[in-house]
Amino acid sequence: MKLIIATIKPFKLEEVREALTEAGVRGMMVTEIKGFGSQSGHTEIYRGAEYAVNFVPKIKLEIVVSANMVDQVIDTIATTAKTGKIGDGKIFVLDVQQAVRVRTGEINEDAL
């Protein structure tokens, strides 16, 4: 099993969720986050005053899938979340040692 962590632009969330559901993803966790990457934030003007926005709003997706679905999920996220502009996000893949469904006690792939 693999944990896929993806950061995307907030307005892309629903489109990415729909695409992942069609690809067979049965669940995900979504968190509103703030961060910065190579763009290191930006400046905005509010009521005539310029100020720095050091942390940009993002959405973090956490998805656990079987190892054979990883490439498809990565491709789906990358294709759907892409705008072609700076700050489109990142995708990370980590190993998952064990999963347990609390309600039933099912473990590993059965728990997904």
PDB file of N, CA and C in Angstrom:
ATOM      1  N   MET A   1       0.840  -1.177   0.000  1.00  0.00           N
ATOM      2  CA  MET A   1       0.000   0.000   0.000  1.00  0.00           C
ATOM      3  C   MET A   1       0.881   1.235   0.000  1.00  0.00           C
ATOM      4  N   LYS A   2       0.343   2.314  -0.572  1.00  0.00           N
ATOM      5  CA  LYS A   2       1.075   3.566  -0.676  1.00  0.00           C
ATOM      6  C   LYS A   2       0.196   4.721  -0.202  1.00  0.00           C
ATOM      7  N   LEU A   3       0.840   5.702   0.415  1.00  0.00           N
ATOM      8  CA  LEU A   3       0.181   6.945   0.800  1.00  0.00           C
ATOM      9  C   LEU A   3       0.601   7.999  -0.212  1.00  0.00           C
ATOM     10  N   ILE A   4      -0.367   8.580  -0.875  1.00  0.00           N
ATOM     11  CA  ILE A   4      -0.102   9.654  -1.824  1.00  0.00           C
ATOM     12  C   ILE A   4      -0.534  10.956  -1.162  1.00  0.00           C
ATOM     13  N   ILE A   5       0.416  11.883  -1.055  1.00  0.00           N
ATOM     14  CA  ILE A   5       0.138  13.203  -0.510  1.00  0.00           C
ATOM     15  C   ILE A   5       0.295  14.188  -1.658  1.00  0.00           C
ATOM     16  N   ALA A   6      -0.753  14.939  -1.927  1.00  0.00           N
ATOM     17  CA  ALA A   6      -0.712  15.899  -3.024  1.00  0.00           C
ATOM     18  C   ALA A   6      -1.155  17.263  -2.528  1.00  0.00           C
ATOM     19  N   THR A   7      -0.466  18.306  -2.976  1.00  0.00           N
ATOM     20  CA  THR A   7      -0.922  19.666  -2.716  1.00  0.00           C
ATOM     21  C   THR A   7      -1.384  20.241  -4.048  1.00  0.00           C
ATOM     22  N   ILE A   8      -2.564  20.855  -4.017  1.00  0.00           N
ATOM     23  CA  ILE A   8      -3.151  21.411  -5.232  1.00  0.00           C
ATOM     24  C   ILE A   8      -3.748  22.782  -4.930  1.00  0.00           C
ATOM     25  N   LYS A   9      -4.090  23.498  -5.983  1.00  0.00           N
ATOM     26  CA  LYS A   9      -4.773  24.782  -5.818  1.00  0.00           C
ATOM     27  C   LYS A   9      -6.207  24.532  -5.362  1.00  0.00           C
ATOM     28  N   PRO A  10      -6.731  25.367  -4.451  1.00  0.00           N
ATOM     29  CA  PRO A  10      -8.066  25.121  -3.891  1.00  0.00           C
ATOM     30  C   PRO A  10      -9.182  25.010  -4.926  1.00  0.00           C
ATOM     31  N   PHE A  11      -9.148  25.803  -5.978  1.00  0.00           N
ATOM     32  CA  PHE A  11     -10.253  25.771  -6.940  1.00  0.00           C
ATOM     33  C   PHE A  11     -10.258  24.501  -7.790  1.00  0.00           C
ATOM     34  N   LYS A  12      -9.204  23.691  -7.699  1.00  0.00           N
ATOM     35  CA  LYS A  12      -9.128  22.440  -8.456  1.00  0.00           C
ATOM     36  C   LYS A  12      -9.660  21.236  -7.674  1.00  0.00           C
ATOM     37  N   LEU A  13     -10.024  21.432  -6.406  1.00  0.00           N
ATOM     38  CA  LEU A  13     -10.385  20.305  -5.539  1.00  0.00           C
ATOM     39  C   LEU A  13     -11.528  19.468  -6.100  1.00  0.00           C
ATOM     40  N   GLU A  14     -12.631  20.084  -6.452  1.00  0.00           N
ATOM     41  CA  GLU A  14     -13.796  19.312  -6.892  1.00  0.00           C
ATOM     42  C   GLU A  14     -13.513  18.558  -8.183  1.00  0.00           C
ATOM     43  N   GLU A  15     -12.811  19.183  -9.093  1.00  0.00           N
ATOM     44  CA  GLU A  15     -12.459  18.533 -10.361  1.00  0.00           C
ATOM     45  C   GLU A  15     -11.544  17.327 -10.120  1.00  0.00           C
ATOM     46  N   VAL A  16     -10.571  17.479  -9.229  1.00  0.00           N
ATOM     47  CA  VAL A  16      -9.663  16.378  -8.900  1.00  0.00           C
ATOM     48  C   VAL A  16     -10.422  15.261  -8.182  1.00  0.00           C
ATOM     49  N   ARG A  17     -11.301  15.620  -7.250  1.00  0.00           N
ATOM     50  CA  ARG A  17     -12.090  14.613  -6.530  1.00  0.00           C
ATOM     51  C   ARG A  17     -12.927  13.780  -7.498  1.00  0.00           C
ATOM     52  N   GLU A  18     -13.597  14.436  -8.435  1.00  0.00           N
ATOM     53  CA  GLU A  18     -14.418  13.719  -9.415  1.00  0.00           C
ATOM     54  C   GLU A  18     -13.571  12.776 -10.273  1.00  0.00           C
ATOM     55  N   ALA A  19     -12.424  13.251 -10.719  1.00  0.00           N
ATOM     56  CA  ALA A  19     -11.547  12.427 -11.561  1.00  0.00           C
ATOM     57  C   ALA A  19     -11.020  11.224 -10.788  1.00  0.00           C
ATOM     58  N   LEU A  20     -10.660  11.426  -9.519  1.00  0.00           N
ATOM     59  CA  LEU A  20     -10.161  10.311  -8.710  1.00  0.00           C
ATOM     60  C   LEU A  20     -11.263   9.293  -8.429  1.00  0.00           C
ATOM     61  N   THR A  21     -12.478   9.759  -8.202  1.00  0.00           N
ATOM     62  CA  THR A  21     -13.604   8.846  -7.975  1.00  0.00           C
ATOM     63  C   THR A  21     -13.835   7.989  -9.218  1.00  0.00           C
ATOM     64  N   GLU A  22     -13.782   8.611 -10.391  1.00  0.00           N
ATOM     65  CA  GLU A  22     -13.937   7.859 -11.640  1.00  0.00           C
ATOM     66  C   GLU A  22     -12.803   6.859 -11.838  1.00  0.00           C
ATOM     67  N   ALA A  23     -11.615   7.169 -11.305  1.00  0.00           N
ATOM     68  CA  ALA A  23     -10.453   6.277 -11.450  1.00  0.00           C
ATOM     69  C   ALA A  23     -10.485   5.129 -10.445  1.00  0.00           C
ATOM     70  N   GLY A  24     -11.456   5.140  -9.533  1.00  0.00           N
ATOM     71  CA  GLY A  24     -11.588   4.035  -8.586  1.00  0.00           C
ATOM     72  C   GLY A  24     -11.115   4.315  -7.177  1.00  0.00           C
ATOM     73  N   VAL A  25     -10.736   5.555  -6.875  1.00  0.00           N
ATOM     74  CA  VAL A  25     -10.334   5.896  -5.502  1.00  0.00           C
ATOM     75  C   VAL A  25     -11.587   5.932  -4.637  1.00  0.00           C
ATOM     76  N   ARG A  26     -11.545   5.199  -3.508  1.00  0.00           N
ATOM     77  CA  ARG A  26     -12.733   5.065  -2.676  1.00  0.00           C
ATOM     78  C   ARG A  26     -12.765   6.006  -1.481  1.00  0.00           C
ATOM     79  N   GLY A  27     -11.700   6.717  -1.223  1.00  0.00           N
ATOM     80  CA  GLY A  27     -11.699   7.654  -0.109  1.00  0.00           C
ATOM     81  C   GLY A  27     -10.447   8.493  -0.100  1.00  0.00           C
ATOM     82  N   MET A  28     -10.535   9.641   0.558  1.00  0.00           N
ATOM     83  CA  MET A  28      -9.379  10.520   0.690  1.00  0.00           C
ATOM     84  C   MET A  28      -9.612  11.461   1.857  1.00  0.00           C
ATOM     85  N   MET A  29      -8.528  12.024   2.358  1.00  0.00           N
ATOM     86  CA  MET A  29      -8.607  13.047   3.391  1.00  0.00           C
ATOM     87  C   MET A  29      -8.190  14.360   2.757  1.00  0.00           C
ATOM     88  N   VAL A  30      -8.899  15.431   3.106  1.00  0.00           N
ATOM     89  CA  VAL A  30      -8.647  16.744   2.532  1.00  0.00           C
ATOM     90  C   VAL A  30      -8.419  17.732   3.663  1.00  0.00           C
ATOM     91  N   THR A  31      -7.351  18.527   3.537  1.00  0.00           N
ATOM     92  CA  THR A  31      -7.015  19.523   4.546  1.00  0.00           C
ATOM     93  C   THR A  31      -6.701  20.840   3.857  1.00  0.00           C
ATOM     94  N   GLU A  32      -7.216  21.937   4.411  1.00  0.00           N
ATOM     95  CA  GLU A  32      -6.837  23.259   3.917  1.00  0.00           C
ATOM     96  C   GLU A  32      -5.524  23.630   4.586  1.00  0.00           C
ATOM     97  N   ILE A  33      -4.535  23.990   3.770  1.00  0.00           N
ATOM     98  CA  ILE A  33      -3.210  24.323   4.299  1.00  0.00           C
ATOM     99  C   ILE A  33      -2.736  25.639   3.698  1.00  0.00           C
ATOM    100  N   LYS A  34      -1.629  26.144   4.218  1.00  0.00           N
ATOM    101  CA  LYS A  34      -0.938  27.294   3.641  1.00  0.00           C
ATOM    102  C   LYS A  34       0.524  26.922   3.519  1.00  0.00           C
ATOM    103  N   GLY A  35       1.171  27.384   2.476  1.00  0.00           N
ATOM    104  CA  GLY A  35       2.580  27.070   2.308  1.00  0.00           C
ATOM    105  C   GLY A  35       3.181  27.871   1.181  1.00  0.00           C
ATOM    106  N   PHE A  36       4.435  27.577   0.901  1.00  0.00           N
ATOM    107  CA  PHE A  36       5.090  28.193  -0.242  1.00  0.00           C
ATOM    108  C   PHE A  36       6.122  27.234  -0.787  1.00  0.00           C
ATOM    109  N   GLY A  37       6.406  27.411  -2.046  1.00  0.00           N
ATOM    110  CA  GLY A  37       7.431  26.614  -2.727  1.00  0.00           C
ATOM    111  C   GLY A  37       8.433  27.548  -3.342  1.00  0.00           C
ATOM    112  N   SER A  38       8.789  27.266  -4.563  1.00  0.00           N
ATOM    113  CA  SER A  38       9.817  28.074  -5.220  1.00  0.00           C
ATOM    114  C   SER A  38       9.368  29.510  -5.479  1.00  0.00           C
ATOM    115  N   GLN A  39       8.034  29.753  -5.522  1.00  0.00           N
ATOM    116  CA  GLN A  39       7.585  31.125  -5.753  1.00  0.00           C
ATOM    117  C   GLN A  39       7.729  31.990  -4.513  1.00  0.00           C
ATOM    118  N   SER A  40       7.910  31.402  -3.331  1.00  0.00           N
ATOM    119  CA  SER A  40       8.120  32.116  -2.067  1.00  0.00           C
ATOM    120  C   SER A  40       7.078  33.190  -1.802  1.00  0.00           C
ATOM    121  N   GLY A  41       5.825  32.901  -2.082  1.00  0.00           N
ATOM    122  CA  GLY A  41       4.760  33.868  -1.841  1.00  0.00           C
ATOM    123  C   GLY A  41       4.706  34.921  -2.938  1.00  0.00           C
ATOM    124  N   HIS A  42       3.926  35.961  -2.686  1.00  0.00           N
ATOM    125  CA  HIS A  42       3.777  37.037  -3.662  1.00  0.00           C
ATOM    126  C   HIS A  42       3.289  38.290  -2.955  1.00  0.00           C
ATOM    127  N   THR A  43       3.174  39.401  -3.686  1.00  0.00           N
ATOM    128  CA  THR A  43       2.658  40.633  -3.094  1.00  0.00           C
ATOM    129  C   THR A  43       1.271  40.923  -3.653  1.00  0.00           C
ATOM    130  N   GLU A  44       0.429  41.534  -2.826  1.00  0.00           N
ATOM    131  CA  GLU A  44      -0.910  41.938  -3.233  1.00  0.00           C
ATOM    132  C   GLU A  44      -1.158  43.350  -2.751  1.00  0.00           C
ATOM    133  N   ILE A  45      -2.148  43.996  -3.342  1.00  0.00           N
ATOM    134  CA  ILE A  45      -2.531  45.342  -2.917  1.00  0.00           C
ATOM    135  C   ILE A  45      -3.921  45.256  -2.308  1.00  0.00           C
ATOM    136  N   TYR A  46      -4.057  45.760  -1.080  1.00  0.00           N
ATOM    137  CA  TYR A  46      -5.333  45.763  -0.382  1.00  0.00           C
ATOM    138  C   TYR A  46      -5.584  47.175   0.129  1.00  0.00           C
ATOM    139  N   ARG A  47      -6.678  47.790  -0.334  1.00  0.00           N
ATOM    140  CA  ARG A  47      -7.028  49.166   0.029  1.00  0.00           C
ATOM    141  C   ARG A  47      -5.865  50.128  -0.174  1.00  0.00           C
ATOM    142  N   GLY A  48      -5.189  49.952  -1.291  1.00  0.00           N
ATOM    143  CA  GLY A  48      -4.118  50.853  -1.665  1.00  0.00           C
ATOM    144  C   GLY A  48      -2.759  50.553  -1.063  1.00  0.00           C
ATOM    145  N   ALA A  49      -2.699  49.618  -0.137  1.00  0.00           N
ATOM    146  CA  ALA A  49      -1.420  49.285   0.500  1.00  0.00           C
ATOM    147  C   ALA A  49      -0.920  47.942  -0.029  1.00  0.00           C
ATOM    148  N   GLU A  50       0.358  47.891  -0.355  1.00  0.00           N
ATOM    149  CA  GLU A  50       0.962  46.653  -0.835  1.00  0.00           C
ATOM    150  C   GLU A  50       1.469  45.850   0.352  1.00  0.00           C
ATOM    151  N   TYR A  51       1.202  44.569   0.353  1.00  0.00           N
ATOM    152  CA  TYR A  51       1.694  43.714   1.433  1.00  0.00           C
ATOM    153  C   TYR A  51       2.109  42.359   0.870  1.00  0.00           C
ATOM    154  N   ALA A  52       2.975  41.686   1.597  1.00  0.00           N
ATOM    155  CA  ALA A  52       3.502  40.395   1.152  1.00  0.00           C
ATOM    156  C   ALA A  52       2.617  39.262   1.652  1.00  0.00           C
ATOM    157  N   VAL A  53       2.335  38.326   0.768  1.00  0.00           N
ATOM    158  CA  VAL A  53       1.631  37.102   1.129  1.00  0.00           C
ATOM    159  C   VAL A  53       2.699  36.007   1.131  1.00  0.00           C
ATOM    160  N   ASN A  54       3.173  35.648   2.317  1.00  0.00           N
ATOM    161  CA  ASN A  54       4.261  34.689   2.425  1.00  0.00           C
ATOM    162  C   ASN A  54       3.796  33.239   2.321  1.00  0.00           C
ATOM    163  N   PHE A  55       2.549  32.986   2.669  1.00  0.00           N
ATOM    164  CA  PHE A  55       2.009  31.637   2.593  1.00  0.00           C
ATOM    165  C   PHE A  55       0.784  31.652   1.689  1.00  0.00           C
ATOM    166  N   VAL A  56       0.786  30.753   0.717  1.00  0.00           N
ATOM    167  CA  VAL A  56      -0.278  30.679  -0.275  1.00  0.00           C
ATOM    168  C   VAL A  56      -1.257  29.577   0.128  1.00  0.00           C
ATOM    169  N   PRO A  57      -2.573  29.829   0.047  1.00  0.00           N
ATOM    170  CA  PRO A  57      -3.552  28.788   0.378  1.00  0.00           C
ATOM    171  C   PRO A  57      -3.452  27.610  -0.596  1.00  0.00           C
ATOM    172  N   LYS A  58      -3.496  26.407  -0.058  1.00  0.00           N
ATOM    173  CA  LYS A  58      -3.440  25.174  -0.852  1.00  0.00           C
ATOM    174  C   LYS A  58      -4.395  24.154  -0.233  1.00  0.00           C
ATOM    175  N   ILE A  59      -4.614  23.077  -0.939  1.00  0.00           N
ATOM    176  CA  ILE A  59      -5.370  21.931  -0.443  1.00  0.00           C
ATOM    177  C   ILE A  59      -4.418  20.742  -0.406  1.00  0.00           C
ATOM    178  N   LYS A  60      -4.426  20.012   0.715  1.00  0.00           N
ATOM    179  CA  LYS A  60      -3.617  18.792   0.814  1.00  0.00           C
ATOM    180  C   LYS A  60      -4.547  17.586   0.747  1.00  0.00           C
ATOM    181  N   LEU A  61      -4.261  16.695  -0.194  1.00  0.00           N
ATOM    182  CA  LEU A  61      -4.992  15.435  -0.322  1.00  0.00           C
ATOM    183  C   LEU A  61      -4.116  14.316   0.210  1.00  0.00           C
ATOM    184  N   GLU A  62      -4.702  13.424   1.000  1.00  0.00           N
ATOM    185  CA  GLU A  62      -4.009  12.221   1.467  1.00  0.00           C
ATOM    186  C   GLU A  62      -4.854  11.030   1.044  1.00  0.00           C
ATOM    187  N   ILE A  63      -4.239  10.155   0.248  1.00  0.00           N
ATOM    188  CA  ILE A  63      -4.954   9.031  -0.339  1.00  0.00           C
ATOM    189  C   ILE A  63      -4.116   7.779  -0.151  1.00  0.00           C
ATOM    190  N   VAL A  64      -4.706   6.731   0.418  1.00  0.00           N
ATOM    191  CA  VAL A  64      -4.020   5.444   0.540  1.00  0.00           C
ATOM    192  C   VAL A  64      -4.631   4.497  -0.489  1.00  0.00           C
ATOM    193  N   VAL A  65      -3.761   3.932  -1.332  1.00  0.00           N
ATOM    194  CA  VAL A  65      -4.212   3.022  -2.381  1.00  0.00           C
ATOM    195  C   VAL A  65      -3.298   1.806  -2.426  1.00  0.00           C
ATOM    196  N   SER A  66      -3.760   0.759  -3.089  1.00  0.00           N
ATOM    197  CA  SER A  66      -2.900  -0.400  -3.301  1.00  0.00           C
ATOM    198  C   SER A  66      -1.782   0.013  -4.260  1.00  0.00           C
ATOM    199  N   ALA A  67      -0.665  -0.668  -4.168  1.00  0.00           N
ATOM    200  CA  ALA A  67       0.521  -0.297  -4.950  1.00  0.00           C
ATOM    201  C   ALA A  67       0.255  -0.290  -6.451  1.00  0.00           C
ATOM    202  N   ASN A  68      -0.644  -1.143  -6.920  1.00  0.00           N
ATOM    203  CA  ASN A  68      -0.893  -1.211  -8.364  1.00  0.00           C
ATOM    204  C   ASN A  68      -1.718  -0.033  -8.889  1.00  0.00           C
ATOM    205  N   MET A  69      -2.271   0.792  -8.000  1.00  0.00           N
ATOM    206  CA  MET A  69      -3.052   1.968  -8.431  1.00  0.00           C
ATOM    207  C   MET A  69      -2.247   3.263  -8.419  1.00  0.00           C
ATOM    208  N   VAL A  70      -1.034   3.233  -7.890  1.00  0.00           N
ATOM    209  CA  VAL A  70      -0.271   4.460  -7.654  1.00  0.00           C
ATOM    210  C   VAL A  70      -0.067   5.278  -8.920  1.00  0.00           C
ATOM    211  N   ASP A  71       0.414   4.664  -9.988  1.00  0.00           N
ATOM    212  CA  ASP A  71       0.697   5.408 -11.215  1.00  0.00           C
ATOM    213  C   ASP A  71      -0.562   6.058 -11.782  1.00  0.00           C
ATOM    214  N   GLN A  72      -1.670   5.342 -11.739  1.00  0.00           N
ATOM    215  CA  GLN A  72      -2.930   5.884 -12.260  1.00  0.00           C
ATOM    216  C   GLN A  72      -3.396   7.078 -11.430  1.00  0.00           C
ATOM    217  N   VAL A  73      -3.279   6.980 -10.098  1.00  0.00           N
ATOM    218  CA  VAL A  73      -3.701   8.074  -9.225  1.00  0.00           C
ATOM    219  C   VAL A  73      -2.807   9.297  -9.427  1.00  0.00           C
ATOM    220  N   ILE A  74      -1.507   9.090  -9.507  1.00  0.00           N
ATOM    221  CA  ILE A  74      -0.583  10.206  -9.743  1.00  0.00           C
ATOM    222  C   ILE A  74      -0.903  10.891 -11.069  1.00  0.00           C
ATOM    223  N   ASP A  75      -1.098  10.110 -12.108  1.00  0.00           N
ATOM    224  CA  ASP A  75      -1.404  10.674 -13.420  1.00  0.00           C
ATOM    225  C   ASP A  75      -2.716  11.449 -13.395  1.00  0.00           C
ATOM    226  N   THR A  76      -3.717  10.918 -12.713  1.00  0.00           N
ATOM    227  CA  THR A  76      -5.017  11.583 -12.620  1.00  0.00           C
ATOM    228  C   THR A  76      -4.894  12.922 -11.902  1.00  0.00           C
ATOM    229  N   ILE A  77      -4.178  12.939 -10.764  1.00  0.00           N
ATOM    230  CA  ILE A  77      -4.008  14.192 -10.021  1.00  0.00           C
ATOM    231  C   ILE A  77      -3.216  15.193 -10.853  1.00  0.00           C
ATOM    232  N   ALA A  78      -2.088  14.751 -11.407  1.00  0.00           N
ATOM    233  CA  ALA A  78      -1.218  15.661 -12.158  1.00  0.00           C
ATOM    234  C   ALA A  78      -1.937  16.257 -13.369  1.00  0.00           C
ATOM    235  N   THR A  79      -2.684  15.455 -14.066  1.00  0.00           N
ATOM    236  CA  THR A  79      -3.393  15.927 -15.256  1.00  0.00           C
ATOM    237  C   THR A  79      -4.533  16.870 -14.888  1.00  0.00           C
ATOM    238  N   THR A  80      -5.296  16.511 -13.880  1.00  0.00           N
ATOM    239  CA  THR A  80      -6.482  17.280 -13.518  1.00  0.00           C
ATOM    240  C   THR A  80      -6.138  18.575 -12.787  1.00  0.00           C
ATOM    241  N   ALA A  81      -5.113  18.563 -11.956  1.00  0.00           N
ATOM    242  CA  ALA A  81      -4.766  19.745 -11.155  1.00  0.00           C
ATOM    243  C   ALA A  81      -3.911  20.754 -11.919  1.00  0.00           C
ATOM    244  N   LYS A  82      -3.382  20.368 -13.058  1.00  0.00           N
ATOM    245  CA  LYS A  82      -2.451  21.232 -13.786  1.00  0.00           C
ATOM    246  C   LYS A  82      -3.157  22.434 -14.402  1.00  0.00           C
ATOM    247  N   THR A  83      -2.595  23.637 -14.134  1.00  0.00           N
ATOM    248  CA  THR A  83      -3.048  24.860 -14.794  1.00  0.00           C
ATOM    249  C   THR A  83      -1.966  25.400 -15.709  1.00  0.00           C
ATOM    250  N   GLY A  84      -0.725  24.920 -15.519  1.00  0.00           N
ATOM    251  CA  GLY A  84       0.386  25.416 -16.304  1.00  0.00           C
ATOM    252  C   GLY A  84       1.032  26.661 -15.715  1.00  0.00           C
ATOM    253  N   LYS A  85       0.538  27.081 -14.543  1.00  0.00           N
ATOM    254  CA  LYS A  85       1.088  28.266 -13.895  1.00  0.00           C
ATOM    255  C   LYS A  85       1.821  27.860 -12.630  1.00  0.00           C
ATOM    256  N   ILE A  86       2.675  28.733 -12.151  1.00  0.00           N
ATOM    257  CA  ILE A  86       3.451  28.450 -10.947  1.00  0.00           C
ATOM    258  C   ILE A  86       2.513  28.163  -9.775  1.00  0.00           C
ATOM    259  N   GLY A  87       2.891  27.205  -8.927  1.00  0.00           N
ATOM    260  CA  GLY A  87       2.096  26.877  -7.749  1.00  0.00           C
ATOM    261  C   GLY A  87       1.058  25.800  -7.962  1.00  0.00           C
ATOM    262  N   ASP A  88       1.176  25.033  -9.041  1.00  0.00           N
ATOM    263  CA  ASP A  88       0.207  23.956  -9.293  1.00  0.00           C
ATOM    264  C   ASP A  88       0.255  22.864  -8.235  1.00  0.00           C
ATOM    265  N   GLY A  89       1.386  22.702  -7.542  1.00  0.00           N
ATOM    266  CA  GLY A  89       1.444  21.753  -6.445  1.00  0.00           C
ATOM    267  C   GLY A  89       2.521  20.708  -6.598  1.00  0.00           C
ATOM    268  N   LYS A  90       2.476  19.734  -5.687  1.00  0.00           N
ATOM    269  CA  LYS A  90       3.449  18.633  -5.651  1.00  0.00           C
ATOM    270  C   LYS A  90       2.701  17.353  -5.281  1.00  0.00           C
ATOM    271  N   ILE A  91       3.330  16.222  -5.614  1.00  0.00           N
ATOM    272  CA  ILE A  91       2.799  14.904  -5.248  1.00  0.00           C
ATOM    273  C   ILE A  91       3.934  14.101  -4.637  1.00  0.00           C
ATOM    274  N   PHE A  92       3.667  13.499  -3.473  1.00  0.00           N
ATOM    275  CA  PHE A  92       4.642  12.656  -2.789  1.00  0.00           C
ATOM    276  C   PHE A  92       4.025  11.276  -2.585  1.00  0.00           C
ATOM    277  N   VAL A  93       4.861  10.234  -2.648  1.00  0.00           N
ATOM    278  CA  VAL A  93       4.396   8.862  -2.445  1.00  0.00           C
ATOM    279  C   VAL A  93       5.236   8.226  -1.352  1.00  0.00           C
ATOM    280  N   LEU A  94       4.554   7.660  -0.331  1.00  0.00           N
ATOM    281  CA  LEU A  94       5.225   7.013   0.790  1.00  0.00           C
ATOM    282  C   LEU A  94       4.672   5.608   0.973  1.00  0.00           C
ATOM    283  N   ASP A  95       5.475   4.730   1.562  1.00  0.00           N
ATOM    284  CA  ASP A  95       5.019   3.381   1.882  1.00  0.00           C
ATOM    285  C   ASP A  95       4.117   3.408   3.108  1.00  0.00           C
ATOM    286  N   VAL A  96       3.100   2.559   3.099  1.00  0.00           N
ATOM    287  CA  VAL A  96       2.216   2.380   4.254  1.00  0.00           C
ATOM    288  C   VAL A  96       2.459   0.971   4.786  1.00  0.00           C
ATOM    289  N   GLN A  97       2.840   0.859   6.037  1.00  0.00           N
ATOM    290  CA  GLN A  97       3.137  -0.439   6.635  1.00  0.00           C
ATOM    291  C   GLN A  97       1.888  -1.227   6.995  1.00  0.00           C
ATOM    292  N   GLN A  98       0.855  -0.517   7.494  1.00  0.00           N
ATOM    293  CA  GLN A  98      -0.343  -1.219   7.937  1.00  0.00           C
ATOM    294  C   GLN A  98      -1.519  -0.260   7.935  1.00  0.00           C
ATOM    295  N   ALA A  99      -2.699  -0.793   7.662  1.00  0.00           N
ATOM    296  CA  ALA A  99      -3.945  -0.029   7.747  1.00  0.00           C
ATOM    297  C   ALA A  99      -4.956  -0.870   8.508  1.00  0.00           C
ATOM    298  N   VAL A 100      -5.756  -0.237   9.335  1.00  0.00           N
ATOM    299  CA  VAL A 100      -6.781  -0.931  10.118  1.00  0.00           C
ATOM    300  C   VAL A 100      -8.080  -0.137  10.029  1.00  0.00           C
ATOM    301  N   ARG A 101      -9.174  -0.797   9.670  1.00  0.00           N
ATOM    302  CA  ARG A 101     -10.495  -0.162   9.712  1.00  0.00           C
ATOM    303  C   ARG A 101     -11.004  -0.334  11.143  1.00  0.00           C
ATOM    304  N   VAL A 102     -11.192   0.770  11.829  1.00  0.00           N
ATOM    305  CA  VAL A 102     -11.535   0.749  13.254  1.00  0.00           C
ATOM    306  C   VAL A 102     -12.855   0.025  13.498  1.00  0.00           C
ATOM    307  N   ARG A 103     -13.871   0.277  12.694  1.00  0.00           N
ATOM    308  CA  ARG A 103     -15.196  -0.291  12.918  1.00  0.00           C
ATOM    309  C   ARG A 103     -15.209  -1.811  12.846  1.00  0.00           C
ATOM    310  N   THR A 104     -14.498  -2.400  11.853  1.00  0.00           N
ATOM    311  CA  THR A 104     -14.595  -3.839  11.618  1.00  0.00           C
ATOM    312  C   THR A 104     -13.350  -4.619  12.004  1.00  0.00           C
ATOM    313  N   GLY A 105     -12.236  -3.928  12.178  1.00  0.00           N
ATOM    314  CA  GLY A 105     -10.988  -4.613  12.464  1.00  0.00           C
ATOM    315  C   GLY A 105     -10.286  -5.149  11.231  1.00  0.00           C
ATOM    316  N   GLU A 106     -10.831  -4.881  10.034  1.00  0.00           N
ATOM    317  CA  GLU A 106     -10.180  -5.311   8.801  1.00  0.00           C
ATOM    318  C   GLU A 106      -8.801  -4.658   8.719  1.00  0.00           C
ATOM    319  N   ILE A 107      -7.872  -5.383   8.111  1.00  0.00           N
ATOM    320  CA  ILE A 107      -6.508  -4.845   8.032  1.00  0.00           C
ATOM    321  C   ILE A 107      -6.031  -4.756   6.592  1.00  0.00           C
ATOM    322  N   ASN A 108      -5.038  -3.884   6.417  1.00  0.00           N
ATOM    323  CA  ASN A 108      -4.335  -3.661   5.167  1.00  0.00           C
ATOM    324  C   ASN A 108      -5.281  -3.386   4.007  1.00  0.00           C
ATOM    325  N   GLU A 109      -5.160  -4.062   2.867  1.00  0.00           N
ATOM    326  CA  GLU A 109      -5.958  -3.722   1.681  1.00  0.00           C
ATOM    327  C   GLU A 109      -7.451  -3.879   1.931  1.00  0.00           C
ATOM    328  N   ASP A 110      -7.849  -4.808   2.803  1.00  0.00           N
ATOM    329  CA  ASP A 110      -9.264  -4.965   3.129  1.00  0.00           C
ATOM    330  C   ASP A 110      -9.803  -3.742   3.865  1.00  0.00           C
ATOM    331  N   ALA A 111      -8.927  -3.010   4.540  1.00  0.00           N
ATOM    332  CA  ALA A 111      -9.330  -1.833   5.289  1.00  0.00           C
ATOM    333  C   ALA A 111      -9.522  -0.610   4.381  1.00  0.00           C
ATOM    334  N   LEU A 112      -8.987  -0.683   3.180  1.00  0.00           N
ATOM    335  CA  LEU A 112      -9.124   0.446   2.278  1.00  0.00           C
ATOM    336  C   LEU A 112     -10.513   0.500   1.698  1.00  0.00           C
TER     337      LEU A 112
END
